[in-house]
Amino acid sequence: MALSAEELTEIEKVLSAANAETQAFVELRTKFPHLAWTRCDASDVTEAPFRSYSRFDVHLLDSADHCAQITDDPTRATGVILAKRSAGR
């Protein structure tokens, strides 16, 4: 299941909102139930993010070939890792 340009735009809107820190994960899981959503601390992910916002890094997850891996290709994305950045990053 690929992420469309429209879905990426909607994710950006949610993560750029003033209340993103407290509401983003729940709102995104509700809006995009077809995607697997994982949240963690940004320091838990060593790969470069697909996109970065003030409080979050976004990593795309590809689990199509039996092993989950980070991808930078939205057409391969089956999920999203929402990595919360610390205030100093």
C-alpha atoms as a PDB file:
ATOM      1  CA  MET A   1       0.000   0.000   0.000  1.00  0.00           C
ATOM      2  CA  ALA A   2       1.593   3.225  -1.145  1.00  0.00           C
ATOM      3  CA  LEU A   3       1.419   6.642   0.451  1.00  0.00           C
ATOM      4  CA  SER A   4      -0.065   9.164  -1.963  1.00  0.00           C
ATOM      5  CA  ALA A   5       1.032  12.766  -2.326  1.00  0.00           C
ATOM      6  CA  GLU A   6      -2.286  13.812  -0.782  1.00  0.00           C
ATOM      7  CA  GLU A   7      -1.712  11.605   2.260  1.00  0.00           C
ATOM      8  CA  LEU A   8       1.801  12.996   2.700  1.00  0.00           C
ATOM      9  CA  THR A   9       0.364  16.518   2.558  1.00  0.00           C
ATOM     10  CA  GLU A  10      -2.239  15.643   5.200  1.00  0.00           C
ATOM     11  CA  ILE A  11       0.439  14.110   7.452  1.00  0.00           C
ATOM     12  CA  GLU A  12       2.468  17.296   7.082  1.00  0.00           C
ATOM     13  CA  LYS A  13      -0.536  19.415   8.089  1.00  0.00           C
ATOM     14  CA  VAL A  14      -1.118  17.354  11.226  1.00  0.00           C
ATOM     15  CA  LEU A  15       2.552  17.415  12.259  1.00  0.00           C
ATOM     16  CA  SER A  16       2.827  21.166  11.619  1.00  0.00           C
ATOM     17  CA  ALA A  17      -0.207  22.024  13.766  1.00  0.00           C
ATOM     18  CA  ALA A  18       0.231  23.832  17.073  1.00  0.00           C
ATOM     19  CA  ASN A  19      -1.109  20.855  19.065  1.00  0.00           C
ATOM     20  CA  ALA A  20       0.930  18.254  17.160  1.00  0.00           C
ATOM     21  CA  GLU A  21       2.950  17.166  20.172  1.00  0.00           C
ATOM     22  CA  THR A  22      -0.082  15.938  22.083  1.00  0.00           C
ATOM     23  CA  GLN A  23      -2.532  14.970  19.332  1.00  0.00           C
ATOM     24  CA  ALA A  24      -0.553  13.865  16.269  1.00  0.00           C
ATOM     25  CA  PHE A  25      -0.222  10.128  16.847  1.00  0.00           C
ATOM     26  CA  VAL A  26      -3.885   9.510  17.654  1.00  0.00           C
ATOM     27  CA  GLU A  27      -5.091  11.791  14.870  1.00  0.00           C
ATOM     28  CA  LEU A  28      -2.862  10.160  12.248  1.00  0.00           C
ATOM     29  CA  ARG A  29      -3.833   6.612  13.288  1.00  0.00           C
ATOM     30  CA  THR A  30      -7.476   7.621  13.004  1.00  0.00           C
ATOM     31  CA  LYS A  31      -7.073   9.311   9.596  1.00  0.00           C
ATOM     32  CA  PHE A  32      -4.922   6.561   8.087  1.00  0.00           C
ATOM     33  CA  PRO A  33      -6.021   3.205   9.559  1.00  0.00           C
ATOM     34  CA  HIS A  34      -4.601   1.328   6.553  1.00  0.00           C
ATOM     35  CA  LEU A  35      -1.061   2.206   7.678  1.00  0.00           C
ATOM     36  CA  ALA A  36       0.853   0.682  10.568  1.00  0.00           C
ATOM     37  CA  TRP A  37       1.819   3.469  12.991  1.00  0.00           C
ATOM     38  CA  THR A  38       4.689   3.242  15.462  1.00  0.00           C
ATOM     39  CA  ARG A  39       5.914   5.939  17.799  1.00  0.00           C
ATOM     40  CA  CYS A  40       9.269   6.156  19.495  1.00  0.00           C
ATOM     41  CA  ASP A  41      11.970   8.587  20.527  1.00  0.00           C
ATOM     42  CA  ALA A  42      13.990   9.996  17.628  1.00  0.00           C
ATOM     43  CA  SER A  43      17.185   8.669  19.217  1.00  0.00           C
ATOM     44  CA  ASP A  44      15.839   5.128  18.737  1.00  0.00           C
ATOM     45  CA  VAL A  45      16.086   5.386  14.937  1.00  0.00           C
ATOM     46  CA  THR A  46      19.522   5.607  13.327  1.00  0.00           C
ATOM     47  CA  GLU A  47      18.381   6.042   9.718  1.00  0.00           C
ATOM     48  CA  ALA A  48      17.902   9.504   8.240  1.00  0.00           C
ATOM     49  CA  PRO A  49      14.246  10.596   8.403  1.00  0.00           C
ATOM     50  CA  PHE A  50      12.055  10.804   5.311  1.00  0.00           C
ATOM     51  CA  ARG A  51      10.843  14.188   6.593  1.00  0.00           C
ATOM     52  CA  SER A  52      11.477  16.243   9.724  1.00  0.00           C
ATOM     53  CA  TYR A  53       9.174  18.635  11.543  1.00  0.00           C
ATOM     54  CA  SER A  54       9.723  20.766  14.627  1.00  0.00           C
ATOM     55  CA  ARG A  55       8.820  17.992  17.103  1.00  0.00           C
ATOM     56  CA  PHE A  56       8.872  14.816  14.974  1.00  0.00           C
ATOM     57  CA  ASP A  57      10.899  12.894  12.424  1.00  0.00           C
ATOM     58  CA  VAL A  58       8.933  10.746  10.003  1.00  0.00           C
ATOM     59  CA  HIS A  59      10.339   7.444   8.791  1.00  0.00           C
ATOM     60  CA  LEU A  60       8.529   5.282   6.259  1.00  0.00           C
ATOM     61  CA  LEU A  61       8.225   1.575   6.970  1.00  0.00           C
ATOM     62  CA  ASP A  62       8.220  -1.124   4.285  1.00  0.00           C
ATOM     63  CA  SER A  63       7.082  -4.523   5.556  1.00  0.00           C
ATOM     64  CA  ALA A  64       6.064  -6.016   2.221  1.00  0.00           C
ATOM     65  CA  ASP A  65       8.927  -8.528   1.928  1.00  0.00           C
ATOM     66  CA  HIS A  66       8.604 -10.388   5.272  1.00  0.00           C
ATOM     67  CA  CYS A  67      11.202  -8.178   6.978  1.00  0.00           C
ATOM     68  CA  ALA A  68      10.324  -4.657   8.030  1.00  0.00           C
ATOM     69  CA  GLN A  69      12.771  -1.985   6.940  1.00  0.00           C
ATOM     70  CA  ILE A  70      12.986   1.782   6.700  1.00  0.00           C
ATOM     71  CA  THR A  71      12.435   3.147   3.209  1.00  0.00           C
ATOM     72  CA  ASP A  72      12.487   6.581   1.627  1.00  0.00           C
ATOM     73  CA  ASP A  73      10.086   5.454  -1.107  1.00  0.00           C
ATOM     74  CA  PRO A  74       6.438   6.399  -0.405  1.00  0.00           C
ATOM     75  CA  THR A  75       5.273   3.849  -2.997  1.00  0.00           C
ATOM     76  CA  ARG A  76       6.726   1.054  -0.802  1.00  0.00           C
ATOM     77  CA  ALA A  77       5.437   2.404   2.522  1.00  0.00           C
ATOM     78  CA  THR A  78       3.155   0.139   4.527  1.00  0.00           C
ATOM     79  CA  GLY A  79       3.565   2.125   7.726  1.00  0.00           C
ATOM     80  CA  VAL A  80       5.022   5.182   9.399  1.00  0.00           C
ATOM     81  CA  ILE A  81       7.363   5.593  12.334  1.00  0.00           C
ATOM     82  CA  LEU A  82       6.663   8.813  14.172  1.00  0.00           C
ATOM     83  CA  ALA A  83       9.842   9.615  16.093  1.00  0.00           C
ATOM     84  CA  LYS A  84       9.490  12.354  18.698  1.00  0.00           C
ATOM     85  CA  ARG A  85      12.399  14.764  18.786  1.00  0.00           C
ATOM     86  CA  SER A  86      13.666  16.209  22.041  1.00  0.00           C
ATOM     87  CA  ALA A  87      13.347  19.963  22.530  1.00  0.00           C
ATOM     88  CA  GLY A  88      17.052  20.520  21.910  1.00  0.00           C
ATOM     89  CA  ARG A  89      17.294  18.752  18.544  1.00  0.00           C
END
